[in-house]
Protein backbone atom coordinates (compact mmCIF):
# COMPACT_ATOMS: atom_id res chain seq x y z
CA MET A 1 3.99 46.74 -24.86
CA LYS A 2 0.22 46.43 -25.31
CA LYS A 3 -2.10 49.19 -24.17
CA ILE A 4 -5.87 49.19 -24.23
CA PHE A 5 -7.72 52.51 -23.92
CA LEU A 6 -11.48 52.45 -23.45
CA THR A 7 -13.72 55.33 -22.38
CA LEU A 8 -17.46 54.91 -22.13
CA THR A 9 -19.94 57.79 -22.15
CA ILE A 10 -23.42 56.87 -21.00
CA VAL A 11 -26.28 59.27 -21.72
CA LEU A 12 -29.76 58.82 -20.31
CA THR A 13 -32.24 61.11 -22.05
CA GLY A 14 -35.97 61.39 -22.25
CA LEU A 15 -36.56 58.81 -19.52
CA THR A 16 -38.99 59.53 -16.69
CA PHE A 17 -39.65 57.08 -13.90
CA PHE A 18 -42.97 57.22 -12.02
CA THR A 19 -44.07 55.84 -8.68
CA SER A 20 -47.34 56.26 -6.87
CA CYS A 21 -45.78 58.89 -4.60
CA ASP A 22 -43.40 60.97 -6.68
CA SER A 23 -41.37 61.05 -9.90
CA THR A 24 -37.68 61.36 -10.76
CA ASP A 25 -36.81 63.13 -14.00
CA THR A 26 -33.53 61.92 -15.54
CA ASP A 27 -33.62 64.13 -18.67
CA ASN A 28 -30.15 65.11 -19.89
CA VAL A 29 -28.31 63.08 -17.24
CA SER A 30 -24.92 61.75 -18.43
CA PHE A 31 -21.66 60.53 -16.99
CA VAL A 32 -18.24 59.47 -18.24
CA THR A 33 -16.45 56.36 -16.98
CA ASN A 34 -12.82 55.57 -17.65
CA TYR A 35 -12.24 51.92 -18.38
CA PRO A 36 -9.12 50.25 -16.97
CA VAL A 37 -6.08 50.81 -19.20
CA PHE A 38 -3.66 47.87 -19.34
CA GLU A 39 0.05 48.17 -20.02
CA LEU A 40 1.58 44.72 -20.47
CA ILE A 41 5.07 44.50 -18.97
CA GLY A 42 7.35 42.38 -21.16
CA GLU A 43 6.39 40.33 -24.19
CA GLU A 44 2.87 39.35 -25.23
CA THR A 45 4.08 35.82 -26.12
CA VAL A 46 6.80 34.07 -24.11
CA VAL A 47 8.38 30.67 -24.85
CA VAL A 48 9.85 28.74 -21.92
CA ASP A 49 11.92 25.55 -22.10
CA ALA A 50 10.18 22.76 -20.19
CA GLY A 51 11.77 22.50 -16.76
CA GLY A 52 12.89 26.12 -16.89
CA THR A 53 11.58 29.09 -14.91
CA PHE A 54 9.05 31.81 -15.62
CA GLU A 55 8.31 34.82 -13.45
CA ASP A 56 5.26 36.73 -14.54
CA PRO A 57 6.20 40.41 -14.97
CA GLY A 58 2.52 41.36 -14.74
CA VAL A 59 0.83 44.50 -15.98
CA ILE A 60 0.26 48.11 -14.95
CA VAL A 61 -3.42 49.04 -14.85
CA THR A 62 -4.61 52.64 -14.59
CA GLU A 63 -7.93 54.40 -14.40
CA ASN A 64 -7.81 57.99 -15.63
CA GLY A 65 -4.04 57.98 -15.01
CA VAL A 66 -4.21 56.49 -11.51
CA GLU A 67 -2.87 52.97 -10.93
CA ILE A 68 -5.47 50.44 -9.73
CA PRO A 69 -5.16 46.79 -8.59
CA TYR A 70 -5.68 43.78 -10.81
CA THR A 71 -6.05 40.02 -10.55
CA SER A 72 -4.72 37.28 -12.82
CA SER A 73 -5.72 33.73 -13.75
CA VAL A 74 -4.10 30.97 -15.82
CA LYS A 75 -5.52 28.37 -18.19
CA GLY A 76 -3.63 25.62 -20.02
CA LEU A 77 -5.29 25.31 -23.41
CA PHE A 78 -4.60 21.63 -24.07
CA GLN A 79 -3.68 19.95 -20.79
CA GLY A 80 -6.13 21.93 -18.69
CA GLY A 81 -3.95 23.32 -15.93
CA SER A 82 -5.19 26.24 -13.81
CA SER A 83 -1.66 27.26 -12.87
CA LEU A 84 1.45 27.69 -14.98
CA ASP A 85 3.63 24.60 -14.54
CA THR A 86 6.90 24.81 -16.47
CA ASN A 87 7.27 21.05 -16.13
CA VAL A 88 4.11 20.50 -18.20
CA SER A 89 4.23 21.36 -21.90
CA ASP A 90 1.22 23.43 -22.91
CA ILE A 91 0.14 26.77 -24.31
CA TYR A 92 -0.95 28.81 -21.30
CA THR A 93 -3.07 31.94 -21.32
CA ILE A 94 -2.63 34.40 -18.45
CA THR A 95 -5.64 36.71 -18.14
CA TYR A 96 -5.29 39.98 -16.22
CA SER A 97 -8.52 41.60 -14.98
CA ALA A 98 -9.37 44.90 -13.30
CA THR A 99 -12.55 46.83 -12.45
CA ASN A 100 -12.91 50.62 -12.36
CA GLN A 101 -14.69 52.61 -9.65
CA ASP A 102 -17.98 52.49 -11.57
CA GLY A 103 -17.94 48.70 -11.73
CA PHE A 104 -16.86 48.38 -15.36
CA SER A 105 -14.20 45.73 -15.97
CA GLY A 106 -11.54 45.05 -18.57
CA THR A 107 -9.00 42.34 -19.37
CA THR A 108 -5.83 41.67 -21.32
CA THR A 109 -3.83 38.48 -21.85
CA ARG A 110 -0.35 37.03 -22.23
CA THR A 111 0.53 33.69 -23.87
CA VAL A 112 3.22 31.49 -22.29
CA ILE A 113 4.31 28.43 -24.27
CA VAL A 114 6.09 25.68 -22.35
CA SER A 115 7.79 23.17 -24.62
CA THR A 116 10.78 20.92 -25.09
CA ASN A 117 12.28 20.16 -28.50
CA ASP A 118 13.29 16.56 -29.11
CA ASP A 119 16.00 15.53 -31.53
CA LEU A 120 13.67 14.31 -34.30
CA SER A 121 15.78 11.22 -34.80
CA LEU A 122 14.80 10.17 -31.28
CA GLY A 123 11.45 11.77 -30.36
CA LEU A 124 8.54 13.90 -31.56
CA ALA A 125 8.07 16.50 -28.83
CA GLY A 126 8.43 20.14 -29.76
CA LEU A 127 6.93 23.46 -30.75
CA TYR A 128 6.09 23.73 -34.45
CA THR A 129 4.77 26.00 -37.13
CA SER A 130 2.32 24.27 -39.44
CA THR A 131 1.57 24.25 -43.16
CA VAL A 132 -1.58 22.37 -44.21
CA THR A 133 -2.90 21.26 -47.59
CA ARG A 134 -6.57 20.26 -47.60
CA ASN A 135 -7.70 17.93 -50.40
CA GLY A 136 -4.66 18.98 -52.42
CA VAL A 137 -5.24 22.73 -52.05
CA LEU A 138 -2.82 25.05 -50.25
CA THR A 139 -3.29 28.79 -49.74
CA GLY A 140 -1.10 31.28 -47.90
CA GLN A 141 -3.53 31.45 -45.00
CA TYR A 142 -2.55 27.91 -43.99
CA THR A 143 1.23 28.32 -44.28
CA ASP A 144 3.62 28.65 -41.31
CA MET A 145 0.77 28.86 -38.80
CA GLU A 146 1.75 29.47 -35.15
CA TYR A 147 1.74 27.10 -33.23
CA VAL A 148 1.20 23.34 -32.97
CA LEU A 149 2.58 21.58 -29.89
CA ILE A 150 3.58 17.93 -29.44
CA TRP A 151 4.35 16.63 -25.95
CA GLU A 152 5.34 13.27 -24.48
CA ASN A 153 2.91 11.65 -22.06
CA PRO A 154 4.11 9.83 -18.93
CA ASP A 155 3.45 6.46 -20.61
CA GLY A 156 5.81 7.28 -23.50
CA THR A 157 3.11 8.07 -26.05
CA TYR A 158 2.94 11.48 -27.72
CA GLU A 159 0.01 13.84 -28.05
CA ILE A 160 -0.49 16.66 -30.53
CA SER A 161 -2.46 19.84 -29.88
CA ASP A 162 -4.15 19.70 -33.29
CA GLY A 163 -4.26 16.56 -35.40
CA ILE A 164 -5.12 18.54 -38.54
CA GLY A 165 -2.31 21.02 -38.03
CA GLY A 166 -4.40 23.97 -36.85
CA TYR A 167 -6.46 24.27 -40.04
CA TYR A 168 -9.62 25.59 -38.36
CA ASP A 169 -8.24 26.66 -34.98
CA ILE A 170 -5.41 28.84 -36.35
CA GLY A 171 -5.87 29.13 -40.12
CA ARG A 172 -9.57 29.95 -40.08
CA GLY A 173 -9.20 31.75 -36.77
CA TYR A 174 -12.06 29.85 -35.14
CA GLY A 175 -10.11 29.39 -31.91
CA VAL A 176 -9.03 26.50 -29.76
CA GLY A 177 -12.58 25.10 -29.56
CA TYR A 178 -12.09 23.98 -33.17
CA ALA A 179 -8.70 22.32 -32.65
CA ALA A 180 -8.62 18.60 -33.43
CA THR A 181 -7.37 17.51 -30.03
CA GLY A 182 -6.93 14.04 -28.58
CA ALA A 183 -4.65 12.52 -31.22
CA VAL A 184 -2.30 10.12 -29.41
CA ILE A 185 0.73 8.70 -31.23
CA THR A 186 2.29 5.42 -30.07
CA VAL A 187 5.85 4.59 -31.12
CA ASN A 188 6.21 0.98 -32.27
CA ASP A 189 9.61 1.40 -33.93
CA PHE A 190 10.95 4.91 -34.29
CA ALA A 191 13.78 3.95 -36.68
CA THR A 192 11.32 2.64 -39.29
CA ASN A 193 8.62 5.30 -38.70
CA ASN A 194 6.30 2.64 -37.34
CA PHE A 195 3.63 4.47 -35.34
CA SER A 196 0.06 3.77 -34.23
CA TYR A 197 -2.59 6.47 -33.89
CA SER A 198 -5.73 6.92 -31.82
CA ALA A 199 -8.92 8.18 -33.42
CA PHE A 200 -9.94 11.76 -32.57
CA GLU A 201 -12.44 14.44 -33.60
CA VAL A 202 -12.39 17.98 -34.96
CA GLY A 203 -13.56 20.21 -32.12
CA GLY A 204 -16.69 22.21 -32.84
CA PHE A 205 -17.60 20.01 -35.80
CA GLY A 206 -17.14 16.44 -34.56
CA GLY A 207 -16.59 13.55 -36.95
CA ALA A 208 -13.91 10.88 -36.73
CA CYS A 209 -10.30 11.49 -37.80
CA ILE A 210 -7.34 9.18 -38.15
CA MET A 211 -3.70 10.04 -38.78
CA SER A 212 -1.31 8.11 -41.01
CA ALA A 213 2.15 8.16 -42.58
CA LEU A 214 3.80 10.21 -39.84
CA THR A 215 7.43 10.83 -40.82
CA PRO A 216 9.93 12.82 -38.73
CA ASN A 217 12.88 14.31 -40.63
CA ALA A 218 15.72 15.30 -38.32
CA ALA A 219 17.78 16.85 -41.13
CA ASN A 220 15.00 19.29 -42.02
CA SER A 221 13.54 19.62 -38.49
CA THR A 222 10.12 18.64 -39.84
CA ILE A 223 7.35 16.14 -39.19
CA SER A 224 4.88 15.28 -41.94
CA PHE A 225 1.64 13.30 -41.69
CA SER A 226 -1.82 12.95 -43.20
CA THR A 227 -5.18 12.99 -41.46
CA GLU A 228 -8.40 11.74 -43.01
CA TRP A 229 -11.61 13.24 -41.64
CA ASP A 230 -14.87 11.43 -42.31
CA ALA A 231 -16.47 14.73 -43.36
CA GLY A 232 -14.73 14.16 -46.70
CA TYR A 233 -11.41 15.96 -46.25
CA ILE A 234 -7.78 14.85 -46.18
CA PHE A 235 -5.28 17.15 -44.48
CA ASP A 236 -1.60 16.84 -45.41
CA VAL A 237 0.42 18.53 -42.67
CA VAL A 238 4.07 19.62 -42.47
CA LEU A 239 5.26 20.75 -39.05
CA THR A 240 8.52 22.69 -38.77
CA GLN A 241 10.21 22.69 -35.39
CA VAL A 242 10.73 26.13 -33.87
CA GLN A 243 14.19 26.66 -32.38
CA LEU A 244 13.71 27.49 -28.70
């Protein structure tokens, strides 16, 4: 369970306000406000098989020990949904919000990952950890990063949440605004690893990227590929499918 405790003490001292008629002296005035305290019910990260069910267990929010109401909202990070659809693979963020009696607000979040894992001898979709070598250099920070998602589009193409394996988004911790989204993979002949790739950019930085040499390995539950970025970097990525 995740709890957030915040208490704010506000002190106004030495301030005098004047009007043409009278004055109000606020010397030594202070008050204490108790921020909303969130207790997340259930897990902070939940993985749901595509087509399955998810019932949000919610949170308990208290102010100075007394339960108060909250609201929630949903955002799909890569496919843009504003509601959690277990038929649409994505990484969803549920944000819970509450406001205390003094008008101060607080939030906490839960991550819900909706994914389906293909047999890698037949398809590419799945939830993966990622290990990335950039220009031949690998450090522990970029090993087994969580998570990269591949989903199948209605037209039979595949799309990946980060075409450089999460190097800046996850490894550097810059956030989803720096994910290299928009990489679409077209299957020409799966048996011979014959794929075509759309160009895409690194979010937050820009610059054109192109993937190559994508190779699924069903025996090892991995997908490997390279991406060349015109900023002067080559990313060699190994994705390892997470067992759902």
